[in-house]
Amino acid sequence: MREIILELCFACCECEKQAGATVHCCGKGMKEWPRSYAAAHIRCPHCGTANTIVFSVGSGRVAQVSPTDESRLPRPPVPSRN
């Protein structure tokens, strides 16, 4: 199975500040690599807005950045009180 680690650089769709993220891609969709595109939901480290980042798996080029519907994201874990 093919795997790739990419560094994505993008501008937040809300505050427009530059941000980056590292993504690890693997699985059945990699069969079509390098023509595949994938998406990741990444929060901006500056303003906290969730962005949907669409990127090329082959090159790591960001194709689209759009706001994410917050209701579709998993809730953050609740810290334990141990």
C-alpha atoms as a PDB file:
ATOM      1  CA  MET A   1       0.000   0.000   0.000  1.00  0.00           C
ATOM      2  CA  ARG A   2       1.266   3.446  -0.922  1.00  0.00           C
ATOM      3  CA  GLU A   3       1.694   6.143   1.755  1.00  0.00           C
ATOM      4  CA  ILE A   4       2.738   9.756   1.588  1.00  0.00           C
ATOM      5  CA  ILE A   5       3.273  12.560   4.114  1.00  0.00           C
ATOM      6  CA  LEU A   6       2.568  16.081   2.867  1.00  0.00           C
ATOM      7  CA  GLU A   7       3.137  19.556   4.281  1.00  0.00           C
ATOM      8  CA  LEU A   8       0.193  21.792   3.351  1.00  0.00           C
ATOM      9  CA  CYS A   9       0.417  25.589   3.389  1.00  0.00           C
ATOM     10  CA  PHE A  10      -2.813  27.573   3.092  1.00  0.00           C
ATOM     11  CA  ALA A  11      -4.463  30.874   3.974  1.00  0.00           C
ATOM     12  CA  CYS A  12      -7.362  30.636   6.427  1.00  0.00           C
ATOM     13  CA  CYS A  13     -10.705  31.376   4.778  1.00  0.00           C
ATOM     14  CA  GLU A  14     -11.740  33.578   7.736  1.00  0.00           C
ATOM     15  CA  CYS A  15      -8.686  35.586   8.906  1.00  0.00           C
ATOM     16  CA  GLU A  16      -6.575  35.028   5.740  1.00  0.00           C
ATOM     17  CA  LYS A  17      -3.407  34.405   7.796  1.00  0.00           C
ATOM     18  CA  GLN A  18      -0.972  31.763   6.581  1.00  0.00           C
ATOM     19  CA  ALA A  19      -1.174  28.374   8.275  1.00  0.00           C
ATOM     20  CA  GLY A  20       0.241  24.931   7.696  1.00  0.00           C
ATOM     21  CA  ALA A  21      -0.451  21.311   8.501  1.00  0.00           C
ATOM     22  CA  THR A  22       1.138  17.922   8.007  1.00  0.00           C
ATOM     23  CA  VAL A  23      -1.119  15.190   6.607  1.00  0.00           C
ATOM     24  CA  HIS A  24      -0.476  11.471   6.239  1.00  0.00           C
ATOM     25  CA  CYS A  25      -2.260   9.904   3.254  1.00  0.00           C
ATOM     26  CA  CYS A  26      -2.705   6.169   2.769  1.00  0.00           C
ATOM     27  CA  GLY A  27      -5.363   3.666   1.767  1.00  0.00           C
ATOM     28  CA  LYS A  28      -7.310   2.504  -1.255  1.00  0.00           C
ATOM     29  CA  GLY A  29      -7.611   5.996  -2.785  1.00  0.00           C
ATOM     30  CA  MET A  30      -3.843   6.115  -3.223  1.00  0.00           C
ATOM     31  CA  LYS A  31      -4.191   3.630  -6.095  1.00  0.00           C
ATOM     32  CA  GLU A  32      -4.881   6.546  -8.443  1.00  0.00           C
ATOM     33  CA  TRP A  33      -1.909   8.547  -7.133  1.00  0.00           C
ATOM     34  CA  PRO A  34      -0.675  11.082  -8.291  1.00  0.00           C
ATOM     35  CA  ARG A  35      -3.970  12.201  -9.876  1.00  0.00           C
ATOM     36  CA  SER A  36      -5.965  11.887  -6.647  1.00  0.00           C
ATOM     37  CA  TYR A  37      -7.333  14.730  -4.579  1.00  0.00           C
ATOM     38  CA  ALA A  38      -8.173  14.528  -0.887  1.00  0.00           C
ATOM     39  CA  ALA A  39      -9.676  16.816   1.731  1.00  0.00           C
ATOM     40  CA  ALA A  40      -8.856  17.501   5.365  1.00  0.00           C
ATOM     41  CA  HIS A  41     -10.620  19.576   8.015  1.00  0.00           C
ATOM     42  CA  ILE A  42      -8.009  21.756   9.714  1.00  0.00           C
ATOM     43  CA  ARG A  43      -8.553  24.457  12.337  1.00  0.00           C
ATOM     44  CA  CYS A  44      -6.702  27.732  11.899  1.00  0.00           C
ATOM     45  CA  PRO A  45      -4.135  28.157  14.695  1.00  0.00           C
ATOM     46  CA  HIS A  46      -4.757  31.933  14.647  1.00  0.00           C
ATOM     47  CA  CYS A  47      -8.560  32.300  14.813  1.00  0.00           C
ATOM     48  CA  GLY A  48      -9.804  28.722  15.390  1.00  0.00           C
ATOM     49  CA  THR A  49     -11.981  28.589  12.260  1.00  0.00           C
ATOM     50  CA  ALA A  50     -12.341  25.111  10.754  1.00  0.00           C
ATOM     51  CA  ASN A  51     -11.209  25.039   7.113  1.00  0.00           C
ATOM     52  CA  THR A  52     -11.774  22.305   4.539  1.00  0.00           C
ATOM     53  CA  ILE A  53      -8.541  21.958   2.584  1.00  0.00           C
ATOM     54  CA  VAL A  54      -8.724  20.154  -0.785  1.00  0.00           C
ATOM     55  CA  PHE A  55      -5.277  19.173  -2.037  1.00  0.00           C
ATOM     56  CA  SER A  56      -3.496  17.110  -4.686  1.00  0.00           C
ATOM     57  CA  VAL A  57      -2.123  13.915  -3.192  1.00  0.00           C
ATOM     58  CA  GLY A  58       0.613  13.775  -5.821  1.00  0.00           C
ATOM     59  CA  SER A  59       2.051  17.264  -5.368  1.00  0.00           C
ATOM     60  CA  GLY A  60       0.619  18.566  -2.102  1.00  0.00           C
ATOM     61  CA  ARG A  61      -0.694  21.622  -3.966  1.00  0.00           C
ATOM     62  CA  VAL A  62      -3.696  23.148  -2.210  1.00  0.00           C
ATOM     63  CA  ALA A  63      -6.569  23.375  -4.703  1.00  0.00           C
ATOM     64  CA  GLN A  64      -9.283  24.898  -2.504  1.00  0.00           C
ATOM     65  CA  VAL A  65      -9.824  26.288   0.992  1.00  0.00           C
ATOM     66  CA  SER A  66     -13.381  26.734   2.238  1.00  0.00           C
ATOM     67  CA  PRO A  67     -15.151  27.064   5.590  1.00  0.00           C
ATOM     68  CA  THR A  68     -16.160  23.795   7.243  1.00  0.00           C
ATOM     69  CA  ASP A  69     -19.644  23.165   8.576  1.00  0.00           C
ATOM     70  CA  GLU A  70     -18.767  22.929  12.300  1.00  0.00           C
ATOM     71  CA  SER A  71     -21.655  20.524  12.977  1.00  0.00           C
ATOM     72  CA  ARG A  72     -19.936  17.882  10.812  1.00  0.00           C
ATOM     73  CA  LEU A  73     -16.716  17.896  12.845  1.00  0.00           C
ATOM     74  CA  PRO A  74     -16.161  15.539  15.751  1.00  0.00           C
ATOM     75  CA  ARG A  75     -16.379  17.184  19.130  1.00  0.00           C
ATOM     76  CA  PRO A  76     -13.056  17.765  20.877  1.00  0.00           C
ATOM     77  CA  PRO A  77     -12.280  15.306  23.673  1.00  0.00           C
ATOM     78  CA  VAL A  78     -13.206  16.299  27.211  1.00  0.00           C
ATOM     79  CA  PRO A  79     -10.192  16.413  29.534  1.00  0.00           C
ATOM     80  CA  SER A  80     -10.316  13.916  32.382  1.00  0.00           C
ATOM     81  CA  ARG A  81     -10.274  15.101  35.971  1.00  0.00           C
ATOM     82  CA  ASN A  82      -7.843  12.448  37.215  1.00  0.00           C
END
